[in-house]
Amino acid sequence: MQRVRLKNIHLSNQLKRIEQTLRQKEELAEGLHLIDFEQLKIENQVGDISNWLASTSSNRQPGGGHGQAGLRGSGGGGMTRLVCEAAV
């Protein structure tokens, strides 16, 4: 009978350790998703800056570019796309 009790205690402790490890891994996974989302936001911002730089350099060339009207729309559209992708 004592063996069965010891085995039960051992299994209970093992279950607690495994559940704790699982909770830690879930918390880590949640943090990684946040980091991935932040990385996407940074990449999107860099893309918007690159587009803006390309637009401004084409504005400087004779006959190139779309004027200032093309620059106004380039800032927020990318962020909307990012939020939609992240929600999926």
PDB file of N, CA and C in Angstrom:
ATOM      1  N   MET A   1       0.820  -1.204   0.000  1.00  0.00           N
ATOM      2  CA  MET A   1       0.000   0.000   0.000  1.00  0.00           C
ATOM      3  C   MET A   1       0.862   1.265   0.000  1.00  0.00           C
ATOM      4  N   GLN A   2       1.946   1.247   0.730  1.00  0.00           N
ATOM      5  CA  GLN A   2       2.838   2.405   0.804  1.00  0.00           C
ATOM      6  C   GLN A   2       3.458   2.698  -0.567  1.00  0.00           C
ATOM      7  N   ARG A   3       3.769   1.663  -1.313  1.00  0.00           N
ATOM      8  CA  ARG A   3       4.313   1.842  -2.673  1.00  0.00           C
ATOM      9  C   ARG A   3       3.328   2.597  -3.563  1.00  0.00           C
ATOM     10  N   VAL A   4       2.084   2.245  -3.462  1.00  0.00           N
ATOM     11  CA  VAL A   4       1.056   2.887  -4.287  1.00  0.00           C
ATOM     12  C   VAL A   4       0.945   4.368  -3.924  1.00  0.00           C
ATOM     13  N   ARG A   5       0.991   4.686  -2.640  1.00  0.00           N
ATOM     14  CA  ARG A   5       0.937   6.087  -2.216  1.00  0.00           C
ATOM     15  C   ARG A   5       2.146   6.856  -2.725  1.00  0.00           C
ATOM     16  N   LEU A   6       3.350   6.271  -2.615  1.00  0.00           N
ATOM     17  CA  LEU A   6       4.556   6.931  -3.111  1.00  0.00           C
ATOM     18  C   LEU A   6       4.473   7.151  -4.626  1.00  0.00           C
ATOM     19  N   LYS A   7       3.972   6.153  -5.307  1.00  0.00           N
ATOM     20  CA  LYS A   7       3.813   6.280  -6.759  1.00  0.00           C
ATOM     21  C   LYS A   7       2.828   7.404  -7.093  1.00  0.00           C
ATOM     22  N   ASN A   8       1.754   7.491  -6.339  1.00  0.00           N
ATOM     23  CA  ASN A   8       0.744   8.544  -6.548  1.00  0.00           C
ATOM     24  C   ASN A   8       1.363   9.923  -6.310  1.00  0.00           C
ATOM     25  N   ILE A   9       2.144  10.061  -5.236  1.00  0.00           N
ATOM     26  CA  ILE A   9       2.808  11.333  -4.947  1.00  0.00           C
ATOM     27  C   ILE A   9       3.775  11.685  -6.060  1.00  0.00           C
ATOM     28  N   HIS A  10       4.548  10.698  -6.493  1.00  0.00           N
ATOM     29  CA  HIS A  10       5.513  10.923  -7.573  1.00  0.00           C
ATOM     30  C   HIS A  10       4.806  11.385  -8.848  1.00  0.00           C
ATOM     31  N   LEU A  11       3.723  10.715  -9.209  1.00  0.00           N
ATOM     32  CA  LEU A  11       2.979  11.088 -10.419  1.00  0.00           C
ATOM     33  C   LEU A  11       2.337  12.465 -10.281  1.00  0.00           C
ATOM     34  N   SER A  12       1.846  12.788  -9.085  1.00  0.00           N
ATOM     35  CA  SER A  12       1.256  14.116  -8.864  1.00  0.00           C
ATOM     36  C   SER A  12       2.301  15.214  -9.039  1.00  0.00           C
ATOM     37  N   ASN A  13       3.479  14.993  -8.470  1.00  0.00           N
ATOM     38  CA  ASN A  13       4.558  15.974  -8.616  1.00  0.00           C
ATOM     39  C   ASN A  13       5.002  16.106 -10.069  1.00  0.00           C
ATOM     40  N   GLN A  14       5.073  14.981 -10.760  1.00  0.00           N
ATOM     41  CA  GLN A  14       5.458  15.001 -12.168  1.00  0.00           C
ATOM     42  C   GLN A  14       4.426  15.784 -12.984  1.00  0.00           C
ATOM     43  N   LEU A  15       3.153  15.574 -12.704  1.00  0.00           N
ATOM     44  CA  LEU A  15       2.083  16.285 -13.405  1.00  0.00           C
ATOM     45  C   LEU A  15       2.188  17.792 -13.159  1.00  0.00           C
ATOM     46  N   LYS A  16       2.460  18.200 -11.919  1.00  0.00           N
ATOM     47  CA  LYS A  16       2.610  19.626 -11.604  1.00  0.00           C
ATOM     48  C   LYS A  16       3.775  20.235 -12.382  1.00  0.00           C
ATOM     49  N   ARG A  17       4.900  19.513 -12.458  1.00  0.00           N
ATOM     50  CA  ARG A  17       6.056  20.031 -13.206  1.00  0.00           C
ATOM     51  C   ARG A  17       5.734  20.178 -14.687  1.00  0.00           C
ATOM     52  N   ILE A  18       5.072  19.201 -15.243  1.00  0.00           N
ATOM     53  CA  ILE A  18       4.729  19.242 -16.676  1.00  0.00           C
ATOM     54  C   ILE A  18       3.739  20.379 -16.959  1.00  0.00           C
ATOM     55  N   GLU A  19       2.744  20.559 -16.087  1.00  0.00           N
ATOM     56  CA  GLU A  19       1.791  21.660 -16.269  1.00  0.00           C
ATOM     57  C   GLU A  19       2.482  23.011 -16.168  1.00  0.00           C
ATOM     58  N   GLN A  20       3.422  23.137 -15.240  1.00  0.00           N
ATOM     59  CA  GLN A  20       4.165  24.391 -15.095  1.00  0.00           C
ATOM     60  C   GLN A  20       5.004  24.659 -16.344  1.00  0.00           C
ATOM     61  N   THR A  21       5.657  23.622 -16.856  1.00  0.00           N
ATOM     62  CA  THR A  21       6.453  23.769 -18.079  1.00  0.00           C
ATOM     63  C   THR A  21       5.560  24.183 -19.245  1.00  0.00           C
ATOM     64  N   LEU A  22       4.394  23.583 -19.330  1.00  0.00           N
ATOM     65  CA  LEU A  22       3.450  23.926 -20.402  1.00  0.00           C
ATOM     66  C   LEU A  22       3.010  25.381 -20.300  1.00  0.00           C
ATOM     67  N   ARG A  23       2.694  25.853 -19.087  1.00  0.00           N
ATOM     68  CA  ARG A  23       2.308  27.255 -18.903  1.00  0.00           C
ATOM     69  C   ARG A  23       3.436  28.197 -19.320  1.00  0.00           C
ATOM     70  N   GLN A  24       4.671  27.844 -18.967  1.00  0.00           N
ATOM     71  CA  GLN A  24       5.809  28.685 -19.338  1.00  0.00           C
ATOM     72  C   GLN A  24       5.974  28.742 -20.849  1.00  0.00           C
ATOM     73  N   LYS A  25       5.804  27.608 -21.513  1.00  0.00           N
ATOM     74  CA  LYS A  25       5.920  27.583 -22.974  1.00  0.00           C
ATOM     75  C   LYS A  25       4.806  28.383 -23.632  1.00  0.00           C
ATOM     76  N   GLU A  26       3.601  28.322 -23.078  1.00  0.00           N
ATOM     77  CA  GLU A  26       2.497  29.111 -23.633  1.00  0.00           C
ATOM     78  C   GLU A  26       2.763  30.603 -23.479  1.00  0.00           C
ATOM     79  N   GLU A  27       3.293  31.001 -22.325  1.00  0.00           N
ATOM     80  CA  GLU A  27       3.616  32.411 -22.110  1.00  0.00           C
ATOM     81  C   GLU A  27       4.710  32.864 -23.070  1.00  0.00           C
ATOM     82  N   LEU A  28       5.689  32.011 -23.295  1.00  0.00           N
ATOM     83  CA  LEU A  28       6.754  32.332 -24.241  1.00  0.00           C
ATOM     84  C   LEU A  28       6.190  32.474 -25.650  1.00  0.00           C
ATOM     85  N   ALA A  29       5.281  31.569 -26.024  1.00  0.00           N
ATOM     86  CA  ALA A  29       4.674  31.634 -27.353  1.00  0.00           C
ATOM     87  C   ALA A  29       3.897  32.935 -27.529  1.00  0.00           C
ATOM     88  N   GLU A  30       3.180  33.367 -26.492  1.00  0.00           N
ATOM     89  CA  GLU A  30       2.437  34.631 -26.576  1.00  0.00           C
ATOM     90  C   GLU A  30       3.397  35.792 -26.780  1.00  0.00           C
ATOM     91  N   GLY A  31       4.498  35.781 -26.082  1.00  0.00           N
ATOM     92  CA  GLY A  31       5.502  36.826 -26.232  1.00  0.00           C
ATOM     93  C   GLY A  31       6.108  36.825 -27.618  1.00  0.00           C
ATOM     94  N   LEU A  32       6.321  35.646 -28.190  1.00  0.00           N
ATOM     95  CA  LEU A  32       6.896  35.575 -29.531  1.00  0.00           C
ATOM     96  C   LEU A  32       5.940  36.152 -30.559  1.00  0.00           C
ATOM     97  N   HIS A  33       4.656  35.912 -30.389  1.00  0.00           N
ATOM     98  CA  HIS A  33       3.693  36.491 -31.325  1.00  0.00           C
ATOM     99  C   HIS A  33       3.748  38.014 -31.263  1.00  0.00           C
ATOM    100  N   LEU A  34       3.874  38.555 -30.080  1.00  0.00           N
ATOM    101  CA  LEU A  34       3.959  40.002 -29.931  1.00  0.00           C
ATOM    102  C   LEU A  34       5.227  40.514 -30.605  1.00  0.00           C
ATOM    103  N   ILE A  35       6.336  39.804 -30.410  1.00  0.00           N
ATOM    104  CA  ILE A  35       7.595  40.209 -31.040  1.00  0.00           C
ATOM    105  C   ILE A  35       7.464  40.138 -32.556  1.00  0.00           C
ATOM    106  N   ASP A  36       6.853  39.067 -33.080  1.00  0.00           N
ATOM    107  CA  ASP A  36       6.657  38.948 -34.519  1.00  0.00           C
ATOM    108  C   ASP A  36       5.820  40.110 -35.047  1.00  0.00           C
ATOM    109  N   PHE A  37       4.759  40.485 -34.320  1.00  0.00           N
ATOM    110  CA  PHE A  37       3.920  41.585 -34.740  1.00  0.00           C
ATOM    111  C   PHE A  37       4.701  42.891 -34.745  1.00  0.00           C
ATOM    112  N   GLU A  38       5.523  43.101 -33.710  1.00  0.00           N
ATOM    113  CA  GLU A  38       6.337  44.312 -33.652  1.00  0.00           C
ATOM    114  C   GLU A  38       7.330  44.339 -34.817  1.00  0.00           C
ATOM    115  N   GLN A  39       7.906  43.190 -35.156  1.00  0.00           N
ATOM    116  CA  GLN A  39       8.836  43.110 -36.283  1.00  0.00           C
ATOM    117  C   GLN A  39       8.118  43.465 -37.585  1.00  0.00           C
ATOM    118  N   LEU A  40       6.908  42.967 -37.759  1.00  0.00           N
ATOM    119  CA  LEU A  40       6.130  43.300 -38.957  1.00  0.00           C
ATOM    120  C   LEU A  40       5.847  44.799 -39.027  1.00  0.00           C
ATOM    121  N   LYS A  41       5.533  45.409 -37.879  1.00  0.00           N
ATOM    122  CA  LYS A  41       5.286  46.846 -37.873  1.00  0.00           C
ATOM    123  C   LYS A  41       6.536  47.604 -38.301  1.00  0.00           C
ATOM    124  N   ILE A  42       7.691  47.184 -37.809  1.00  0.00           N
ATOM    125  CA  ILE A  42       8.943  47.851 -38.171  1.00  0.00           C
ATOM    126  C   ILE A  42       9.215  47.683 -39.655  1.00  0.00           C
ATOM    127  N   GLU A  43       9.060  46.458 -40.170  1.00  0.00           N
ATOM    128  CA  GLU A  43       9.290  46.224 -41.599  1.00  0.00           C
ATOM    129  C   GLU A  43       8.332  47.056 -42.445  1.00  0.00           C
ATOM    130  N   ASN A  44       7.107  47.185 -41.997  1.00  0.00           N
ATOM    131  CA  ASN A  44       6.115  47.979 -42.723  1.00  0.00           C
ATOM    132  C   ASN A  44       6.512  49.455 -42.734  1.00  0.00           C
ATOM    133  N   GLN A  45       6.988  49.947 -41.601  1.00  0.00           N
ATOM    134  CA  GLN A  45       7.414  51.340 -41.525  1.00  0.00           C
ATOM    135  C   GLN A  45       8.608  51.589 -42.433  1.00  0.00           C
ATOM    136  N   VAL A  46       9.543  50.636 -42.465  1.00  0.00           N
ATOM    137  CA  VAL A  46      10.708  50.768 -43.338  1.00  0.00           C
ATOM    138  C   VAL A  46      10.254  50.776 -44.797  1.00  0.00           C
ATOM    139  N   GLY A  47       9.268  49.927 -45.116  1.00  0.00           N
ATOM    140  CA  GLY A  47       8.728  49.911 -46.479  1.00  0.00           C
ATOM    141  C   GLY A  47       8.080  51.223 -46.851  1.00  0.00           C
ATOM    142  N   ASP A  48       7.333  51.803 -45.895  1.00  0.00           N
ATOM    143  CA  ASP A  48       6.692  53.103 -46.158  1.00  0.00           C
ATOM    144  C   ASP A  48       7.743  54.186 -46.377  1.00  0.00           C
ATOM    145  N   ILE A  49       8.806  54.147 -45.595  1.00  0.00           N
ATOM    146  CA  ILE A  49       9.883  55.137 -45.754  1.00  0.00           C
ATOM    147  C   ILE A  49      10.559  54.949 -47.103  1.00  0.00           C
ATOM    148  N   SER A  50      10.796  53.689 -47.483  1.00  0.00           N
ATOM    149  CA  SER A  50      11.411  53.420 -48.786  1.00  0.00           C
ATOM    150  C   SER A  50      10.541  53.938 -49.927  1.00  0.00           C
ATOM    151  N   ASN A  51       9.231  53.701 -49.817  1.00  0.00           N
ATOM    152  CA  ASN A  51       8.302  54.206 -50.838  1.00  0.00           C
ATOM    153  C   ASN A  51       8.318  55.728 -50.885  1.00  0.00           C
ATOM    154  N   TRP A  52       8.355  56.337 -49.719  1.00  0.00           N
ATOM    155  CA  TRP A  52       8.392  57.796 -49.663  1.00  0.00           C
ATOM    156  C   TRP A  52       9.675  58.326 -50.292  1.00  0.00           C
ATOM    157  N   LEU A  53      10.817  57.679 -49.965  1.00  0.00           N
ATOM    158  CA  LEU A  53      12.085  58.117 -50.550  1.00  0.00           C
ATOM    159  C   LEU A  53      12.079  57.955 -52.066  1.00  0.00           C
ATOM    160  N   ALA A  54      11.514  56.846 -52.538  1.00  0.00           N
ATOM    161  CA  ALA A  54      11.435  56.636 -53.981  1.00  0.00           C
ATOM    162  C   ALA A  54      10.561  57.713 -54.632  1.00  0.00           C
ATOM    163  N   SER A  55       9.471  58.058 -53.959  1.00  0.00           N
ATOM    164  CA  SER A  55       8.579  59.089 -54.499  1.00  0.00           C
ATOM    165  C   SER A  55       9.260  60.448 -54.531  1.00  0.00           C
ATOM    166  N   THR A  56       9.972  60.779 -53.461  1.00  0.00           N
ATOM    167  CA  THR A  56      10.622  62.087 -53.427  1.00  0.00           C
ATOM    168  C   THR A  56      11.765  62.159 -54.421  1.00  0.00           C
ATOM    169  N   SER A  57      12.470  61.054 -54.627  1.00  0.00           N
ATOM    170  CA  SER A  57      13.555  61.101 -55.606  1.00  0.00           C
ATOM    171  C   SER A  57      13.006  61.196 -57.022  1.00  0.00           C
ATOM    172  N   SER A  58      11.843  60.558 -57.289  1.00  0.00           N
ATOM    173  CA  SER A  58      11.248  60.670 -58.620  1.00  0.00           C
ATOM    174  C   SER A  58      10.647  62.067 -58.816  1.00  0.00           C
ATOM    175  N   ASN A  59      10.253  62.741 -57.733  1.00  0.00           N
ATOM    176  CA  ASN A  59       9.735  64.107 -57.833  1.00  0.00           C
ATOM    177  C   ASN A  59      10.833  65.076 -58.231  1.00  0.00           C
ATOM    178  N   ARG A  60      12.040  64.761 -57.869  1.00  0.00           N
ATOM    179  CA  ARG A  60      13.162  65.640 -58.199  1.00  0.00           C
ATOM    180  C   ARG A  60      13.587  65.515 -59.658  1.00  0.00           C
ATOM    181  N   GLN A  61      13.263  64.383 -60.271  1.00  0.00           N
ATOM    182  CA  GLN A  61      13.650  64.197 -61.675  1.00  0.00           C
ATOM    183  C   GLN A  61      12.666  64.945 -62.559  1.00  0.00           C
ATOM    184  N   PRO A  62      13.148  65.481 -63.684  1.00  0.00           N
ATOM    185  CA  PRO A  62      12.238  66.210 -64.577  1.00  0.00           C
ATOM    186  C   PRO A  62      11.138  65.298 -65.107  1.00  0.00           C
ATOM    187  N   GLY A  63       9.907  65.732 -64.962  1.00  0.00           N
ATOM    188  CA  GLY A  63       8.767  64.984 -65.496  1.00  0.00           C
ATOM    189  C   GLY A  63       8.400  63.758 -64.696  1.00  0.00           C
ATOM    190  N   GLY A  64       9.037  63.487 -63.553  1.00  0.00           N
ATOM    191  CA  GLY A  64       8.759  62.265 -62.780  1.00  0.00           C
ATOM    192  C   GLY A  64       7.875  62.538 -61.589  1.00  0.00           C
ATOM    193  N   GLY A  65       7.343  61.467 -61.029  1.00  0.00           N
ATOM    194  CA  GLY A  65       6.605  61.565 -59.773  1.00  0.00           C
ATOM    195  C   GLY A  65       5.165  61.959 -59.942  1.00  0.00           C
ATOM    196  N   HIS A  66       4.498  62.018 -58.824  1.00  0.00           N
ATOM    197  CA  HIS A  66       3.074  62.347 -58.821  1.00  0.00           C
ATOM    198  C   HIS A  66       2.793  63.588 -58.012  1.00  0.00           C
ATOM    199  N   GLY A  67       3.794  64.326 -57.618  1.00  0.00           N
ATOM    200  CA  GLY A  67       3.574  65.517 -56.811  1.00  0.00           C
ATOM    201  C   GLY A  67       3.307  65.165 -55.364  1.00  0.00           C
ATOM    202  N   GLN A  68       2.905  66.141 -54.579  1.00  0.00           N
ATOM    203  CA  GLN A  68       2.667  65.924 -53.153  1.00  0.00           C
ATOM    204  C   GLN A  68       1.444  65.060 -52.884  1.00  0.00           C
ATOM    205  N   ALA A  69       0.487  65.026 -53.786  1.00  0.00           N
ATOM    206  CA  ALA A  69      -0.723  64.238 -53.551  1.00  0.00           C
ATOM    207  C   ALA A  69      -0.382  62.763 -53.395  1.00  0.00           C
ATOM    208  N   GLY A  70       0.608  62.261 -54.111  1.00  0.00           N
ATOM    209  CA  GLY A  70       0.995  60.863 -53.995  1.00  0.00           C
ATOM    210  C   GLY A  70       1.641  60.552 -52.660  1.00  0.00           C
ATOM    211  N   LEU A  71       2.217  61.518 -51.991  1.00  0.00           N
ATOM    212  CA  LEU A  71       2.903  61.283 -50.724  1.00  0.00           C
ATOM    213  C   LEU A  71       1.935  61.167 -49.561  1.00  0.00           C
ATOM    214  N   ARG A  72       0.814  61.850 -49.614  1.00  0.00           N
ATOM    215  CA  ARG A  72      -0.108  61.851 -48.482  1.00  0.00           C
ATOM    216  C   ARG A  72      -0.685  60.476 -48.203  1.00  0.00           C
ATOM    217  N   GLY A  73      -0.982  59.713 -49.222  1.00  0.00           N
ATOM    218  CA  GLY A  73      -1.620  58.408 -49.028  1.00  0.00           C
ATOM    219  C   GLY A  73      -0.651  57.308 -48.647  1.00  0.00           C
ATOM    220  N   SER A  74       0.656  57.512 -48.723  1.00  0.00           N
ATOM    221  CA  SER A  74       1.576  56.404 -48.508  1.00  0.00           C
ATOM    222  C   SER A  74       1.805  56.090 -47.040  1.00  0.00           C
ATOM    223  N   GLY A  75       1.433  56.950 -46.107  1.00  0.00           N
ATOM    224  CA  GLY A  75       1.757  56.720 -44.698  1.00  0.00           C
ATOM    225  C   GLY A  75       0.875  55.709 -44.001  1.00  0.00           C
ATOM    226  N   GLY A  76      -0.441  55.774 -44.156  1.00  0.00           N
ATOM    227  CA  GLY A  76      -1.310  54.944 -43.338  1.00  0.00           C
ATOM    228  C   GLY A  76      -1.782  53.666 -43.986  1.00  0.00           C
ATOM    229  N   GLY A  77      -1.747  53.553 -45.282  1.00  0.00           N
ATOM    230  CA  GLY A  77      -2.280  52.368 -45.949  1.00  0.00           C
ATOM    231  C   GLY A  77      -1.571  51.094 -45.567  1.00  0.00           C
ATOM    232  N   GLY A  78      -0.273  51.155 -45.414  1.00  0.00           N
ATOM    233  CA  GLY A  78       0.479  49.965 -45.059  1.00  0.00           C
ATOM    234  C   GLY A  78       0.126  49.463 -43.674  1.00  0.00           C
ATOM    235  N   MET A  79      -0.111  50.341 -42.733  1.00  0.00           N
ATOM    236  CA  MET A  79      -0.432  49.928 -41.377  1.00  0.00           C
ATOM    237  C   MET A  79      -1.780  49.224 -41.335  1.00  0.00           C
ATOM    238  N   THR A  80      -2.743  49.696 -42.122  1.00  0.00           N
ATOM    239  CA  THR A  80      -4.042  49.043 -42.181  1.00  0.00           C
ATOM    240  C   THR A  80      -3.886  47.620 -42.693  1.00  0.00           C
ATOM    241  N   ARG A  81      -3.062  47.448 -43.702  1.00  0.00           N
ATOM    242  CA  ARG A  81      -2.814  46.119 -44.249  1.00  0.00           C
ATOM    243  C   ARG A  81      -2.178  45.217 -43.196  1.00  0.00           C
ATOM    244  N   LEU A  82      -1.258  45.739 -42.425  1.00  0.00           N
ATOM    245  CA  LEU A  82      -0.569  44.965 -41.397  1.00  0.00           C
ATOM    246  C   LEU A  82      -1.540  44.496 -40.327  1.00  0.00           C
ATOM    247  N   VAL A  83      -2.439  45.366 -39.894  1.00  0.00           N
ATOM    248  CA  VAL A  83      -3.394  45.000 -38.859  1.00  0.00           C
ATOM    249  C   VAL A  83      -4.298  43.904 -39.366  1.00  0.00           C
ATOM    250  N   CYS A  84      -4.723  43.968 -40.616  1.00  0.00           N
ATOM    251  CA  CYS A  84      -5.584  42.936 -41.183  1.00  0.00           C
ATOM    252  C   CYS A  84      -4.853  41.607 -41.246  1.00  0.00           C
ATOM    253  N   GLU A  85      -3.579  41.598 -41.656  1.00  0.00           N
ATOM    254  CA  GLU A  85      -2.811  40.364 -41.721  1.00  0.00           C
ATOM    255  C   GLU A  85      -2.607  39.766 -40.339  1.00  0.00           C
ATOM    256  N   ALA A  86      -2.390  40.615 -39.338  1.00  0.00           N
ATOM    257  CA  ALA A  86      -2.133  40.132 -37.985  1.00  0.00           C
ATOM    258  C   ALA A  86      -3.403  39.541 -37.377  1.00  0.00           C
ATOM    259  N   ALA A  87      -4.571  40.006 -37.784  1.00  0.00           N
ATOM    260  CA  ALA A  87      -5.807  39.532 -37.214  1.00  0.00           C
ATOM    261  C   ALA A  87      -6.158  38.142 -37.703  1.00  0.00           C
ATOM    262  N   VAL A  88      -5.573  37.697 -38.792  1.00  0.00           N
ATOM    263  CA  VAL A  88      -5.907  36.383 -39.364  1.00  0.00           C
ATOM    264  C   VAL A  88      -5.386  35.271 -38.544  1.00  0.00           C
TER     265      VAL A  88
END
